[in-house]
C-alpha atoms as a PDB file:
ATOM      1  CA  MET A   1      83.594 119.827  98.094  1.00  0.00           C
ATOM      2  CA  VAL A   2      82.960 117.812  94.959  1.00  0.00           C
ATOM      3  CA  PRO A   3      80.342 119.054  92.427  1.00  0.00           C
ATOM      4  CA  HIS A   4      77.952 116.143  92.966  1.00  0.00           C
ATOM      5  CA  ILE A   5      77.442 116.823  96.673  1.00  0.00           C
ATOM      6  CA  ALA A   6      73.812 117.719  97.246  1.00  0.00           C
ATOM      7  CA  ALA A   7      72.323 119.994  99.870  1.00  0.00           C
ATOM      8  CA  ALA A   8      72.895 118.901 103.444  1.00  0.00           C
ATOM      9  CA  MET A   9      70.199 116.903 105.137  1.00  0.00           C
ATOM     10  CA  CYS A  10      68.431 118.734 107.940  1.00  0.00           C
ATOM     11  CA  SER A  11      68.497 117.552 111.551  1.00  0.00           C
ATOM     12  CA  LYS A  12      64.857 116.451 111.473  1.00  0.00           C
ATOM     13  CA  HIS A  13      65.563 114.280 108.437  1.00  0.00           C
ATOM     14  CA  LEU A  14      68.482 112.674 110.247  1.00  0.00           C
ATOM     15  CA  GLU A  15      66.403 112.098 113.339  1.00  0.00           C
ATOM     16  CA  ALA A  16      63.596 110.489 111.358  1.00  0.00           C
ATOM     17  CA  HIS A  17      65.783 108.244 109.248  1.00  0.00           C
ATOM     18  CA  LEU A  18      68.844 107.575 111.396  1.00  0.00           C
ATOM     19  CA  LEU A  19      68.014 107.742 115.075  1.00  0.00           C
ATOM     20  CA  GLN A  20      65.339 105.082 115.285  1.00  0.00           C
ATOM     21  CA  PRO A  21      65.536 102.521 118.130  1.00  0.00           C
ATOM     22  CA  SER A  22      66.743  99.047 117.300  1.00  0.00           C
ATOM     23  CA  TRP A  23      63.400  97.439 118.106  1.00  0.00           C
ATOM     24  CA  ARG A  24      61.853  99.331 115.188  1.00  0.00           C
ATOM     25  CA  ALA A  25      64.388  98.031 112.691  1.00  0.00           C
ATOM     26  CA  ARG A  26      63.024  96.224 109.670  1.00  0.00           C
ATOM     27  CA  PRO A  27      64.635  93.893 107.110  1.00  0.00           C
ATOM     28  CA  GLY A  28      66.847  95.950 104.814  1.00  0.00           C
ATOM     29  CA  ASP A  29      67.619  98.601 107.394  1.00  0.00           C
ATOM     30  CA  GLN A  30      71.321  99.298 107.821  1.00  0.00           C
ATOM     31  CA  LYS A  31      72.564  98.890 111.392  1.00  0.00           C
ATOM     32  CA  MET A  32      74.829 101.561 112.840  1.00  0.00           C
ATOM     33  CA  ARG A  33      76.780 101.198 116.081  1.00  0.00           C
ATOM     34  CA  ARG A  34      77.489 103.944 118.583  1.00  0.00           C
ATOM     35  CA  THR A  35      78.701 101.908 121.552  1.00  0.00           C
ATOM     36  CA  GLY A  36      79.244  98.268 122.349  1.00  0.00           C
ATOM     37  CA  PHE A  37      77.594  95.181 120.956  1.00  0.00           C
ATOM     38  CA  GLU A  38      73.932  95.002 120.025  1.00  0.00           C
ATOM     39  CA  ALA A  39      72.191  92.373 122.147  1.00  0.00           C
ATOM     40  CA  GLY A  40      71.981  89.076 120.359  1.00  0.00           C
ATOM     41  CA  GLY A  41      74.259  90.034 117.486  1.00  0.00           C
ATOM     42  CA  SER A  42      77.275  87.988 116.502  1.00  0.00           C
ATOM     43  CA  GLU A  43      80.703  89.608 116.716  1.00  0.00           C
ATOM     44  CA  ASP A  44      81.025  89.591 112.927  1.00  0.00           C
ATOM     45  CA  GLU A  45      77.614  91.199 112.566  1.00  0.00           C
ATOM     46  CA  VAL A  46      78.423  93.791 115.191  1.00  0.00           C
ATOM     47  CA  ALA A  47      81.678  94.623 113.414  1.00  0.00           C
ATOM     48  CA  ARG A  48      79.567  95.710 110.478  1.00  0.00           C
ATOM     49  CA  LEU A  49      77.675  98.217 112.568  1.00  0.00           C
ATOM     50  CA  ALA A  50      79.058 101.641 111.998  1.00  0.00           C
ATOM     51  CA  HIS A  51      77.476 103.523 114.852  1.00  0.00           C
ATOM     52  CA  GLY A  52      75.006 102.200 117.461  1.00  0.00           C
ATOM     53  CA  VAL A  53      71.544 102.767 116.149  1.00  0.00           C
ATOM     54  CA  TYR A  54      69.737 101.534 113.095  1.00  0.00           C
ATOM     55  CA  ALA A  55      69.894 103.635 109.944  1.00  0.00           C
ATOM     56  CA  LYS A  56      66.558 103.336 108.201  1.00  0.00           C
ATOM     57  CA  ARG A  57      66.865 103.257 104.430  1.00  0.00           C
ATOM     58  CA  MET A  58      65.455 106.486 103.081  1.00  0.00           C
ATOM     59  CA  PRO A  59      62.175 106.199 101.129  1.00  0.00           C
ATOM     60  CA  ARG A  60      62.368 106.826  97.426  1.00  0.00           C
ATOM     61  CA  SER A  61      60.710 110.218  97.746  1.00  0.00           C
ATOM     62  CA  HIS A  62      63.814 111.311  99.661  1.00  0.00           C
ATOM     63  CA  ASP A  63      66.298 109.235  97.702  1.00  0.00           C
ATOM     64  CA  HIS A  64      69.282 111.437  96.872  1.00  0.00           C
ATOM     65  CA  SER A  65      70.935 110.284  93.677  1.00  0.00           C
ATOM     66  CA  ALA A  66      73.837 112.574  94.522  1.00  0.00           C
ATOM     67  CA  LEU A  67      75.943 112.639  97.663  1.00  0.00           C
ATOM     68  CA  ALA A  68      74.473 114.539 100.590  1.00  0.00           C
ATOM     69  CA  ARG A  69      76.342 115.325 103.759  1.00  0.00           C
ATOM     70  CA  GLU A  70      75.254 116.571 107.129  1.00  0.00           C
ATOM     71  CA  THR A  71      77.866 117.231 109.783  1.00  0.00           C
ATOM     72  CA  PHE A  72      76.647 116.900 113.330  1.00  0.00           C
ATOM     73  CA  SER A  73      79.088 116.690 116.193  1.00  0.00           C
ATOM     74  CA  PRO A  74      80.981 114.466 116.415  1.00  0.00           C
ATOM     75  CA  THR A  75      80.158 112.544 113.232  1.00  0.00           C
ATOM     76  CA  SER A  76      79.675 113.130 109.543  1.00  0.00           C
ATOM     77  CA  VAL A  77      77.183 111.090 107.564  1.00  0.00           C
ATOM     78  CA  PHE A  78      77.451 110.547 103.841  1.00  0.00           C
ATOM     79  CA  CYS A  79      74.264 109.515 102.068  1.00  0.00           C
ATOM     80  CA  ILE A  80      74.733 107.660  98.792  1.00  0.00           C
ATOM     81  CA  GLY A  81      71.543 106.661  97.047  1.00  0.00           C
ATOM     82  CA  SER A  82      69.367 105.239  99.786  1.00  0.00           C
ATOM     83  CA  ALA A  83      72.156 103.855 101.978  1.00  0.00           C
ATOM     84  CA  MET A  84      73.975 105.473 104.861  1.00  0.00           C
ATOM     85  CA  VAL A  85      77.764 105.263 104.903  1.00  0.00           C
ATOM     86  CA  LEU A  86      79.524 106.642 107.930  1.00  0.00           C
ATOM     87  CA  PHE A  87      82.880 108.370 108.206  1.00  0.00           C
ATOM     88  CA  ARG A  88      82.981 109.265 111.904  1.00  0.00           C
ATOM     89  CA  GLN A  89      84.706 112.560 112.536  1.00  0.00           C
ATOM     90  CA  CYS A  90      86.481 113.003 115.856  1.00  0.00           C
ATOM     91  CA  PRO A  91      86.912 116.737 116.523  1.00  0.00           C
ATOM     92  CA  LEU A  92      90.486 117.932 117.041  1.00  0.00           C
ATOM     93  CA  PRO A  93      91.575 120.844 119.259  1.00  0.00           C
ATOM     94  CA  PRO A  94      90.603 124.218 117.718  1.00  0.00           C
ATOM     95  CA  ASP A  95      94.196 125.158 116.899  1.00  0.00           C
ATOM     96  CA  VAL A  96      94.646 122.066 114.693  1.00  0.00           C
ATOM     97  CA  PRO A  97      93.456 122.674 111.096  1.00  0.00           C
ATOM     98  CA  GLY A  98      93.243 119.045 109.957  1.00  0.00           C
ATOM     99  CA  LYS A  99      90.506 116.445 110.443  1.00  0.00           C
ATOM    100  CA  LEU A 100      90.457 113.050 112.129  1.00  0.00           C
ATOM    101  CA  TRP A 101      88.150 110.342 110.804  1.00  0.00           C
ATOM    102  CA  LEU A 102      87.420 106.954 112.403  1.00  0.00           C
ATOM    103  CA  HIS A 103      86.355 104.024 110.235  1.00  0.00           C
ATOM    104  CA  SER A 104      86.241 100.256 109.941  1.00  0.00           C
ATOM    105  CA  MET A 105      88.657  98.575 107.515  1.00  0.00           C
ATOM    106  CA  PRO A 106      88.214 100.221 104.093  1.00  0.00           C
ATOM    107  CA  GLY A 107      86.441  97.933 101.661  1.00  0.00           C
ATOM    108  CA  LYS A 108      85.339  95.465 104.341  1.00  0.00           C
ATOM    109  CA  ASN A 109      81.832  96.752 104.937  1.00  0.00           C
ATOM    110  CA  GLU A 110      81.441  98.754 101.736  1.00  0.00           C
ATOM    111  CA  ASP A 111      82.542  98.440  98.143  1.00  0.00           C
ATOM    112  CA  TRP A 112      86.187  99.477  97.789  1.00  0.00           C
ATOM    113  CA  ASN A 113      85.427 101.939  94.984  1.00  0.00           C
ATOM    114  CA  VAL A 114      82.685 103.518  97.086  1.00  0.00           C
ATOM    115  CA  PHE A 115      85.156 103.969  99.919  1.00  0.00           C
ATOM    116  CA  VAL A 116      87.666 105.583  97.551  1.00  0.00           C
ATOM    117  CA  GLU A 117      85.113 108.127  96.357  1.00  0.00           C
ATOM    118  CA  ASN A 118      83.973 108.874  99.908  1.00  0.00           C
ATOM    119  CA  ALA A 119      87.569 109.273 101.090  1.00  0.00           C
ATOM    120  CA  LYS A 120      88.199 111.789  98.322  1.00  0.00           C
ATOM    121  CA  SER A 121      84.997 113.648  99.196  1.00  0.00           C
ATOM    122  CA  ALA A 122      86.083 113.761 102.846  1.00  0.00           C
ATOM    123  CA  ASP A 123      89.513 115.043 101.753  1.00  0.00           C
ATOM    124  CA  VAL A 124      91.360 112.181 103.442  1.00  0.00           C
ATOM    125  CA  LYS A 125      95.095 112.534 102.777  1.00  0.00           C
ATOM    126  CA  GLY A 126      96.422 109.804 105.060  1.00  0.00           C
ATOM    127  CA  ILE A 127      95.077 106.395 106.109  1.00  0.00           C
ATOM    128  CA  ALA A 128      96.410 104.955 109.369  1.00  0.00           C
ATOM    129  CA  CYS A 129      96.150 101.165 109.106  1.00  0.00           C
ATOM    130  CA  MET A 130      96.361  99.464 112.499  1.00  0.00           C
ATOM    131  CA  THR A 131      96.056  95.889 111.205  1.00  0.00           C
ATOM    132  CA  SER A 132      98.535  93.454 109.723  1.00  0.00           C
ATOM    133  CA  ARG A 133      98.780  92.888 105.968  1.00  0.00           C
ATOM    134  CA  ALA A 134      97.471  89.358 106.546  1.00  0.00           C
ATOM    135  CA  GLU A 135      94.408  90.741 108.313  1.00  0.00           C
ATOM    136  CA  VAL A 136      93.798  93.217 105.492  1.00  0.00           C
ATOM    137  CA  GLN A 137      94.162  90.477 102.886  1.00  0.00           C
ATOM    138  CA  GLU A 138      91.631  88.314 104.713  1.00  0.00           C
ATOM    139  CA  LYS A 139      89.037  91.011 105.391  1.00  0.00           C
ATOM    140  CA  SER A 140      89.418  93.354 102.392  1.00  0.00           C
ATOM    141  CA  PRO A 141      91.341  91.919  99.402  1.00  0.00           C
ATOM    142  CA  SER A 142      90.746  95.025  97.265  1.00  0.00           C
ATOM    143  CA  TYR A 143      92.291  97.230  99.944  1.00  0.00           C
ATOM    144  CA  ALA A 144      95.216  94.820 100.302  1.00  0.00           C
ATOM    145  CA  GLU A 145      95.815  94.996  96.561  1.00  0.00           C
ATOM    146  CA  ALA A 146      95.681  98.804  96.630  1.00  0.00           C
ATOM    147  CA  ILE A 147      98.292  98.874  99.400  1.00  0.00           C
ATOM    148  CA  SER A 148     100.616  96.457  97.614  1.00  0.00           C
ATOM    149  CA  LYS A 149     100.288  98.344  94.319  1.00  0.00           C
ATOM    150  CA  ASP A 150     100.478 101.767  95.985  1.00  0.00           C
ATOM    151  CA  SER A 151      97.166 102.675  94.350  1.00  0.00           C
ATOM    152  CA  ALA A 152      95.172 103.732  97.415  1.00  0.00           C
ATOM    153  CA  PRO A 153      93.544 107.188  97.198  1.00  0.00           C
ATOM    154  CA  CYS A 154      96.203 108.582  99.555  1.00  0.00           C
ATOM    155  CA  LYS A 155      99.247 107.496 101.526  1.00  0.00           C
ATOM    156  CA  VAL A 156      98.719 104.509 103.826  1.00  0.00           C
ATOM    157  CA  LEU A 157     100.644 104.556 107.098  1.00  0.00           C
ATOM    158  CA  GLU A 158     100.891 101.081 108.598  1.00  0.00           C
ATOM    159  CA  PHE A 159     101.469 100.043 112.200  1.00  0.00           C
ATOM    160  CA  ALA A 160     100.078  96.618 113.040  1.00  0.00           C
ATOM    161  CA  ILE A 161      98.652  96.127 116.530  1.00  0.00           C
ATOM    162  CA  PRO A 162      97.022  92.788 117.433  1.00  0.00           C
ATOM    163  CA  PRO A 163      93.273  92.848 118.210  1.00  0.00           C
ATOM    164  CA  GLY A 164      92.810  94.076 121.775  1.00  0.00           C
ATOM    165  CA  GLY A 165      96.558  94.564 122.093  1.00  0.00           C
ATOM    166  CA  VAL A 166      99.070  97.376 122.334  1.00  0.00           C
ATOM    167  CA  PRO A 167     102.239  98.360 120.434  1.00  0.00           C
ATOM    168  CA  GLU A 168     105.268  96.187 121.140  1.00  0.00           C
ATOM    169  CA  ASP A 169     107.783  98.871 120.118  1.00  0.00           C
ATOM    170  CA  ALA A 170     107.044 102.080 122.037  1.00  0.00           C
ATOM    171  CA  ALA A 171     109.650 104.155 120.197  1.00  0.00           C
ATOM    172  CA  ALA A 172     108.363 103.132 116.766  1.00  0.00           C
ATOM    173  CA  PHE A 173     104.789 103.797 117.873  1.00  0.00           C
ATOM    174  CA  ASN A 174     105.731 107.279 119.084  1.00  0.00           C
ATOM    175  CA  SER A 175     107.223 107.994 115.654  1.00  0.00           C
ATOM    176  CA  PHE A 176     104.081 106.661 113.989  1.00  0.00           C
ATOM    177  CA  ILE A 177     101.844 108.935 116.086  1.00  0.00           C
ATOM    178  CA  ALA A 178     104.168 111.842 115.293  1.00  0.00           C
ATOM    179  CA  SER A 179     103.679 111.213 111.567  1.00  0.00           C
ATOM    180  CA  LEU A 180      99.899 111.396 112.000  1.00  0.00           C
ATOM    181  CA  ILE A 181     100.179 114.555 114.090  1.00  0.00           C
ATOM    182  CA  THR A 182     102.275 116.154 111.356  1.00  0.00           C
ATOM    183  CA  LEU A 183      99.531 115.547 108.802  1.00  0.00           C
ATOM    184  CA  VAL A 184      96.701 117.058 110.858  1.00  0.00           C
ATOM    185  CA  ARG A 185      98.853 120.016 111.909  1.00  0.00           C
ATOM    186  CA  GLU A 186      99.445 120.659 108.220  1.00  0.00           C
ATOM    187  CA  GLY A 187      95.676 120.814 107.724  1.00  0.00           C
ATOM    188  CA  GLN A 188      95.257 117.379 106.176  1.00  0.00           C
ATOM    189  CA  GLY A 189      92.637 114.730 106.876  1.00  0.00           C
ATOM    190  CA  VAL A 190      93.661 111.459 108.549  1.00  0.00           C
ATOM    191  CA  LEU A 191      91.482 108.333 108.648  1.00  0.00           C
ATOM    192  CA  VAL A 192      92.302 105.763 111.344  1.00  0.00           C
ATOM    193  CA  HIS A 193      91.025 102.202 111.064  1.00  0.00           C
ATOM    194  CA  CYS A 194      91.476  98.690 112.404  1.00  0.00           C
ATOM    195  CA  THR A 195      89.001  95.941 111.471  1.00  0.00           C
ATOM    196  CA  GLY A 196      85.748  96.963 113.138  1.00  0.00           C
ATOM    197  CA  GLY A 197      86.776 100.584 113.715  1.00  0.00           C
ATOM    198  CA  VAL A 198      86.402 100.455 117.497  1.00  0.00           C
ATOM    199  CA  GLY A 199      89.223  99.224 119.754  1.00  0.00           C
ATOM    200  CA  ARG A 200      92.549  99.810 118.045  1.00  0.00           C
ATOM    201  CA  THR A 201      91.075 102.725 116.115  1.00  0.00           C
ATOM    202  CA  GLY A 202      89.969 104.452 119.302  1.00  0.00           C
ATOM    203  CA  PHE A 203      93.251 103.593 121.008  1.00  0.00           C
ATOM    204  CA  VAL A 204      95.253 105.415 118.322  1.00  0.00           C
ATOM    205  CA  ALA A 205      92.841 108.350 118.175  1.00  0.00           C
ATOM    206  CA  ILE A 206      93.228 108.872 121.931  1.00  0.00           C
ATOM    207  CA  CYS A 207      97.008 108.814 121.597  1.00  0.00           C
ATOM    208  CA  MET A 208      96.777 111.453 118.870  1.00  0.00           C
ATOM    209  CA  LEU A 209      94.562 113.705 120.973  1.00  0.00           C
ATOM    210  CA  GLN A 210      96.936 113.381 123.923  1.00  0.00           C
ATOM    211  CA  ARG A 211      99.890 114.402 121.787  1.00  0.00           C
ATOM    212  CA  LEU A 212      97.816 117.360 120.606  1.00  0.00           C
ATOM    213  CA  GLY A 213      97.568 118.513 124.211  1.00  0.00           C
ATOM    214  CA  MET A 214      94.350 116.955 125.500  1.00  0.00           C
ATOM    215  CA  ASP A 215      93.966 115.376 128.930  1.00  0.00           C
ATOM    216  CA  LEU A 216      93.631 111.581 128.856  1.00  0.00           C
ATOM    217  CA  GLU A 217      90.070 111.464 130.196  1.00  0.00           C
ATOM    218  CA  ASP A 218      88.937 114.250 127.874  1.00  0.00           C
ATOM    219  CA  ALA A 219      90.532 112.438 124.940  1.00  0.00           C
ATOM    220  CA  LYS A 220      88.793 109.186 125.901  1.00  0.00           C
ATOM    221  CA  ALA A 221      85.443 110.943 126.185  1.00  0.00           C
ATOM    222  CA  ARG A 222      85.796 112.632 122.816  1.00  0.00           C
ATOM    223  CA  VAL A 223      86.730 109.406 121.049  1.00  0.00           C
ATOM    224  CA  ARG A 224      83.958 107.525 122.852  1.00  0.00           C
ATOM    225  CA  GLU A 225      81.448 110.067 121.556  1.00  0.00           C
ATOM    226  CA  ALA A 226      82.711 109.308 118.046  1.00  0.00           C
ATOM    227  CA  GLY A 227      81.942 105.607 118.538  1.00  0.00           C
ATOM    228  CA  SER A 228      85.364 104.130 119.325  1.00  0.00           C
ATOM    229  CA  GLY A 229      87.570 103.460 122.327  1.00  0.00           C
ATOM    230  CA  PRO A 230      89.896 100.975 124.050  1.00  0.00           C
ATOM    231  CA  GLU A 231      88.406  97.541 124.684  1.00  0.00           C
ATOM    232  CA  THR A 232      90.889  95.831 127.029  1.00  0.00           C
ATOM    233  CA  ASP A 233      92.603  96.515 130.351  1.00  0.00           C
ATOM    234  CA  GLU A 234      95.924  96.309 128.537  1.00  0.00           C
ATOM    235  CA  GLN A 235      94.942  99.141 126.208  1.00  0.00           C
ATOM    236  CA  HIS A 236      93.691 101.292 129.092  1.00  0.00           C
ATOM    237  CA  ALA A 237      96.951 100.727 130.992  1.00  0.00           C
ATOM    238  CA  TYR A 238      99.044 101.618 127.945  1.00  0.00           C
ATOM    239  CA  LEU A 239      97.076 104.829 127.420  1.00  0.00           C
ATOM    240  CA  LYS A 240      97.727 105.828 131.026  1.00  0.00           C
ATOM    241  CA  SER A 241     101.467 105.258 130.653  1.00  0.00           C
ATOM    242  CA  PHE A 242     101.381 107.046 127.284  1.00  0.00           C
ATOM    243  CA  ALA A 243      99.828 110.054 129.006  1.00  0.00           C
ATOM    244  CA  GLU A 244     102.456 109.979 131.759  1.00  0.00           C
ATOM    245  CA  ARG A 245     105.288 109.825 129.220  1.00  0.00           C
ATOM    246  CA  GLY A 246     103.763 112.762 127.380  1.00  0.00           C
ATOM    247  CA  HIS A 247     103.537 114.755 130.609  1.00  0.00           C
ATOM    248  CA  GLU A 248     107.180 114.031 131.410  1.00  0.00           C
ATOM    249  CA  LEU A 249     108.197 115.132 127.924  1.00  0.00           C
ATOM    250  CA  ALA A 250     106.158 118.322 128.254  1.00  0.00           C
ATOM    251  CA  LEU A 251     107.919 119.171 131.520  1.00  0.00           C
ATOM    252  CA  ALA A 252     111.289 118.572 129.887  1.00  0.00           C
ATOM    253  CA  LEU A 253     110.628 120.517 126.680  1.00  0.00           C
ATOM    254  CA  GLY A 254     108.352 123.259 127.953  1.00  0.00           C
ATOM    255  CA  PRO A 255     105.097 124.694 126.497  1.00  0.00           C
ATOM    256  CA  TRP A 256     105.992 123.822 122.896  1.00  0.00           C
ATOM    257  CA  ALA A 257     106.337 120.104 123.624  1.00  0.00           C
ATOM    258  CA  CYS A 258     103.004 119.046 122.169  1.00  0.00           C
ATOM    259  CA  LYS A 259     103.654 120.862 118.915  1.00  0.00           C
ATOM    260  CA  GLU A 260     107.167 119.526 118.601  1.00  0.00           C
ATOM    261  CA  GLN A 261     105.996 115.945 119.110  1.00  0.00           C
ATOM    262  CA  GLY A 262     104.122 116.246 115.852  1.00  0.00           C
ATOM    263  CA  ARG A 263     107.190 117.159 113.798  1.00  0.00           C
ATOM    264  CA  PHE A 264     109.850 114.962 112.286  1.00  0.00           C
ATOM    265  CA  SER A 265     113.448 115.412 113.341  1.00  0.00           C
ATOM    266  CA  GLU A 266     115.907 116.321 110.594  1.00  0.00           C
ATOM    267  CA  ASP A 267     117.255 112.792 110.313  1.00  0.00           C
ATOM    268  CA  ASN A 268     113.790 111.250 109.808  1.00  0.00           C
ATOM    269  CA  ASP A 269     112.809 110.184 106.316  1.00  0.00           C
ATOM    270  CA  ASN A 270     109.295 111.548 105.691  1.00  0.00           C
ATOM    271  CA  ASP A 271     108.706 108.990 102.970  1.00  0.00           C
ATOM    272  CA  LYS A 272     109.201 106.048 105.317  1.00  0.00           C
ATOM    273  CA  LEU A 273     105.835 106.088 107.015  1.00  0.00           C
ATOM    274  CA  SER A 274     105.359 102.334 107.410  1.00  0.00           C
ATOM    275  CA  PHE A 275     106.491 100.703 110.652  1.00  0.00           C
END
């Protein structure tokens, strides 16, 4: 934990300043999404919501000049100044030492440098980018530049999936998921994002949890609690077939199948993490 992290906020403080109903929101309040679209909001506006309720800006008497963090299942909230910035943590199985974070596109809804500092504070060691380079360039030019110059705060693993879509190359996607599993099994933090941090992000998180041994419905529920999840019938169908393929592999390989799926074979190049 970095030196400038302040004492954690208590649950009552979170309840008073985060969990207020939308009808009590005032100008200047930051909106946070938990599930679905807020009534009356445009899609672009909704994409900026991090979690589902409105995050009331903290009054100056409670304004932390340093970074404060409170972890409450299944999310972690970072408080910078008087604004709430959310890195949503999706709990992994207890035998997995790493961490899984869900997020919107870095630098899209927050300053890129702020994201970098928060990613370091959260000990993120791998960013799973589920969007195309063109999409990144359009939505977050600073992030696109960091990818092209290899100056992101950690390795960026890319696998473009169209909005609402599914992977076209199943074998390449399996290898991509395996690379993410390797990181979390090694105790590292992985941040998964698309554009809004909901559909494709949740889709990939569910695939990761399945490969870590979770049942499909349990994986969906856990990711849903973290504010993400599949948005189309096509994604739901792919997840079902992904679960069936994993079950078949487990039967073929035995009880160690789930662990072995998260390891590279000897002829894989660990440095080639972009698909």
